[in-house]
Protein backbone atom coordinates (compact mmCIF):
# COMPACT_ATOMS: atom_id res chain seq x y z
CA UNK A 1 57.94 57.17 -32.05
CA UNK A 2 55.86 55.87 -29.19
CA UNK A 3 57.76 54.96 -26.00
CA UNK A 4 56.74 52.12 -23.80
CA UNK A 5 56.83 52.25 -20.05
CA UNK A 6 58.95 49.45 -18.66
CA UNK A 7 57.98 48.34 -15.04
CA UNK A 8 61.22 47.38 -13.42
CA UNK A 9 59.50 46.35 -10.20
CA UNK A 10 58.26 43.03 -11.69
CA UNK A 11 61.87 41.42 -11.80
CA UNK A 12 65.02 41.72 -13.86
CA UNK A 13 68.01 43.56 -12.44
CA UNK A 14 66.13 45.21 -9.66
CA UNK A 15 64.87 41.84 -8.34
CA UNK A 16 68.52 40.56 -8.63
CA UNK A 17 69.85 43.42 -6.58
CA UNK A 18 67.24 43.17 -3.89
CA UNK A 19 67.64 39.45 -3.36
CA UNK A 20 69.66 38.25 -0.34
CA UNK A 21 72.84 36.80 -1.47
CA UNK A 22 74.61 34.27 0.72
CA UNK A 23 77.94 32.40 0.58
CA UNK A 24 77.09 28.70 0.41
CA UNK A 25 80.93 27.77 0.88
CA UNK A 26 80.90 29.01 4.45
CA UNK A 27 77.83 27.86 6.36
CA UNK A 28 77.31 28.61 9.95
CA UNK A 29 76.81 25.86 12.59
CA UNK A 30 73.28 26.53 13.04
CA UNK A 31 72.59 25.96 9.34
CA UNK A 32 72.24 29.43 8.31
CA UNK A 33 74.79 31.20 5.68
CA UNK A 34 77.11 34.04 6.01
CA UNK A 35 76.48 37.02 3.86
CA UNK A 36 78.27 37.02 0.42
CA UNK A 37 81.69 38.45 -0.20
CA UNK A 38 84.82 38.85 1.87
CA UNK A 39 87.14 41.59 2.81
CA UNK A 40 90.54 41.93 1.29
CA UNK A 41 92.22 41.03 4.60
CA UNK A 42 90.18 38.04 5.06
CA UNK A 43 91.88 34.38 4.92
CA UNK A 44 88.53 32.88 3.93
CA UNK A 45 88.46 30.80 0.75
CA UNK A 46 86.83 32.11 -2.44
CA UNK A 47 83.04 32.61 -1.84
CA UNK A 48 80.50 30.95 -3.82
CA UNK A 49 77.44 33.29 -3.71
CA UNK A 50 73.87 32.39 -4.66
CA UNK A 51 70.65 34.00 -3.64
CA UNK A 52 69.25 32.67 -0.39
CA UNK A 53 66.26 31.13 -2.14
CA UNK A 54 68.42 29.04 -4.40
CA UNK A 55 70.61 28.04 -1.61
CA UNK A 56 67.69 26.56 0.41
CA UNK A 57 66.59 24.66 -2.60
CA UNK A 58 69.97 23.09 -3.22
CA UNK A 59 70.83 19.66 -1.69
CA UNK A 60 74.08 19.37 0.30
CA UNK A 61 75.87 17.46 -2.59
CA UNK A 62 74.90 20.24 -5.06
CA UNK A 63 76.33 22.92 -2.72
CA UNK A 64 79.61 20.92 -2.10
CA UNK A 65 79.98 20.45 -6.01
CA UNK A 66 79.39 24.16 -6.72
CA UNK A 67 81.77 25.30 -4.08
CA UNK A 68 84.55 22.74 -5.21
CA UNK A 69 84.22 23.85 -8.81
CA UNK A 70 84.48 27.48 -7.72
CA UNK A 71 87.64 26.87 -5.61
CA UNK A 72 89.28 24.85 -8.26
CA UNK A 73 88.82 27.42 -10.91
CA UNK A 74 90.82 29.82 -8.52
CA UNK A 75 90.87 33.61 -8.98
CA UNK A 76 93.63 34.72 -11.20
CA UNK A 77 92.78 38.48 -11.35
CA UNK A 78 91.03 41.29 -9.42
CA UNK A 79 87.61 40.27 -10.81
CA UNK A 80 86.01 37.30 -9.48
CA UNK A 81 85.88 33.77 -11.52
CA UNK A 82 82.27 32.88 -12.50
CA UNK A 83 81.35 29.24 -12.21
CA UNK A 84 78.01 27.69 -13.04
CA UNK A 85 76.14 26.78 -9.77
CA UNK A 86 74.41 23.64 -10.82
CA UNK A 87 76.35 21.19 -13.08
CA UNK A 88 74.34 19.55 -15.79
CA UNK A 89 74.51 15.79 -16.22
CA UNK A 90 76.23 14.53 -19.17
CA UNK A 91 76.30 10.99 -20.64
CA UNK A 92 75.76 7.81 -18.68
CA UNK A 93 78.60 5.22 -18.42
CA UNK A 94 79.52 3.52 -21.58
CA UNK A 95 78.63 -0.02 -20.73
CA UNK A 96 76.46 -3.00 -22.00
CA UNK A 97 73.61 -1.88 -19.62
CA UNK A 98 73.39 1.58 -21.25
CA UNK A 99 74.71 1.09 -24.82
CA UNK A 100 74.16 -1.59 -27.38
CA UNK A 101 77.01 -3.13 -29.09
CA UNK A 102 77.44 -2.34 -32.80
CA UNK A 103 76.43 -5.79 -33.85
CA UNK A 104 72.94 -5.41 -32.28
CA UNK A 105 72.20 -2.20 -33.85
CA UNK A 106 74.27 0.33 -31.73
CA UNK A 107 72.51 3.26 -29.86
CA UNK A 108 71.27 3.62 -26.24
CA UNK A 109 69.12 1.05 -24.45
CA UNK A 110 66.08 1.88 -22.53
CA UNK A 111 68.17 1.77 -19.26
CA UNK A 112 70.71 4.12 -20.91
CA UNK A 113 67.88 6.64 -21.80
CA UNK A 114 66.72 6.55 -18.23
CA UNK A 115 70.17 7.05 -16.92
CA UNK A 116 70.72 10.02 -19.09
CA UNK A 117 67.40 11.50 -18.18
CA UNK A 118 68.13 11.19 -14.46
CA UNK A 119 71.51 13.01 -15.02
CA UNK A 120 69.78 15.62 -17.21
CA UNK A 121 66.45 16.67 -15.67
CA UNK A 122 64.01 17.93 -18.37
CA UNK A 123 65.58 15.92 -21.26
CA UNK A 124 63.06 14.31 -23.61
CA UNK A 125 65.55 11.72 -24.94
CA UNK A 126 63.89 8.59 -26.27
CA UNK A 127 65.00 5.28 -27.64
CA UNK A 128 64.94 4.48 -31.43
CA UNK A 129 61.75 4.19 -33.29
CA UNK A 130 62.15 0.47 -34.42
CA UNK A 131 58.64 -1.00 -35.18
CA UNK A 132 56.04 -0.31 -37.70
CA UNK A 133 54.57 3.11 -37.49
CA UNK A 134 51.63 4.92 -38.98
CA UNK A 135 52.26 7.55 -41.60
CA UNK A 136 52.30 10.94 -40.36
CA UNK A 137 52.48 9.92 -36.62
CA UNK A 138 54.95 11.32 -34.00
CA UNK A 139 57.03 8.19 -34.11
CA UNK A 140 57.13 8.38 -38.08
CA UNK A 141 58.18 11.98 -37.88
CA UNK A 142 60.90 11.31 -35.29
CA UNK A 143 62.18 8.48 -37.65
CA UNK A 144 62.10 10.69 -40.72
CA UNK A 145 64.07 13.47 -38.74
CA UNK A 146 66.64 10.85 -37.33
CA UNK A 147 67.21 9.50 -40.86
CA UNK A 148 67.77 12.89 -42.42
CA UNK A 149 70.21 13.84 -39.71
CA UNK A 150 72.12 10.56 -39.61
CA UNK A 151 72.40 10.63 -43.50
CA UNK A 152 74.12 13.94 -43.12
CA UNK A 153 76.49 12.31 -40.59
CA UNK A 154 77.14 9.39 -42.94
CA UNK A 155 78.00 11.68 -45.75
CA UNK A 156 80.47 13.67 -43.75
CA UNK A 157 82.21 10.50 -42.22
CA UNK A 158 85.31 8.98 -43.62
CA UNK A 159 85.16 6.75 -46.60
CA UNK A 160 85.96 3.72 -44.63
CA UNK A 161 83.01 4.38 -42.33
CA UNK A 162 80.66 5.11 -45.24
CA UNK A 163 81.65 1.85 -46.97
CA UNK A 164 81.61 -0.45 -43.91
CA UNK A 165 78.25 -2.08 -43.48
CA UNK A 166 79.10 -2.78 -39.70
CA UNK A 167 79.99 0.74 -38.85
CA UNK A 168 77.98 2.12 -35.80
CA UNK A 169 76.29 4.75 -37.96
CA UNK A 170 75.19 2.35 -40.49
CA UNK A 171 73.99 -0.08 -37.81
CA UNK A 172 72.12 2.45 -36.12
CA UNK A 173 70.33 3.54 -39.41
CA UNK A 174 69.48 -0.02 -39.97
CA UNK A 175 67.99 -0.21 -36.37
CA UNK A 176 65.89 2.83 -37.07
CA UNK A 177 64.90 1.37 -40.43
CA UNK A 178 66.13 4.29 -42.61
């Protein structure tokens, strides 16, 4: 059996250990950060530690959010409680601007899709394919995929939803022209 040489100098755990870790929950007055950790006798709050490179890239609101989530999680045992540093978006507000009413086809509006993409950077969410499409095009494939997925949802829904022509899933399928 041939063994492969692994170069640990490129990254991975060695890189992680060599990074300078700082506590973003305890900034100094000059804008710098205290080193990560605290002594057992310290009365400081729970430290939220991140690599210095990440701390400098984070906005002040991101830092405040990460620290508040860390502190609200508390520390119930001898080991530290892990909390994600950057909170990912979620859904936009459920209002007329972001979502269509059921009567007009259900689903998200263009403004709702843009709001979702702002909250979730890197998302590729798009609005429904409602017009005529050329067979085999990207839009035709998106429609085919949605119709297959939504048919599965329709089959697993309650009998009342399946038989109601005005249910959200039926309206959405009608809007997509399934």
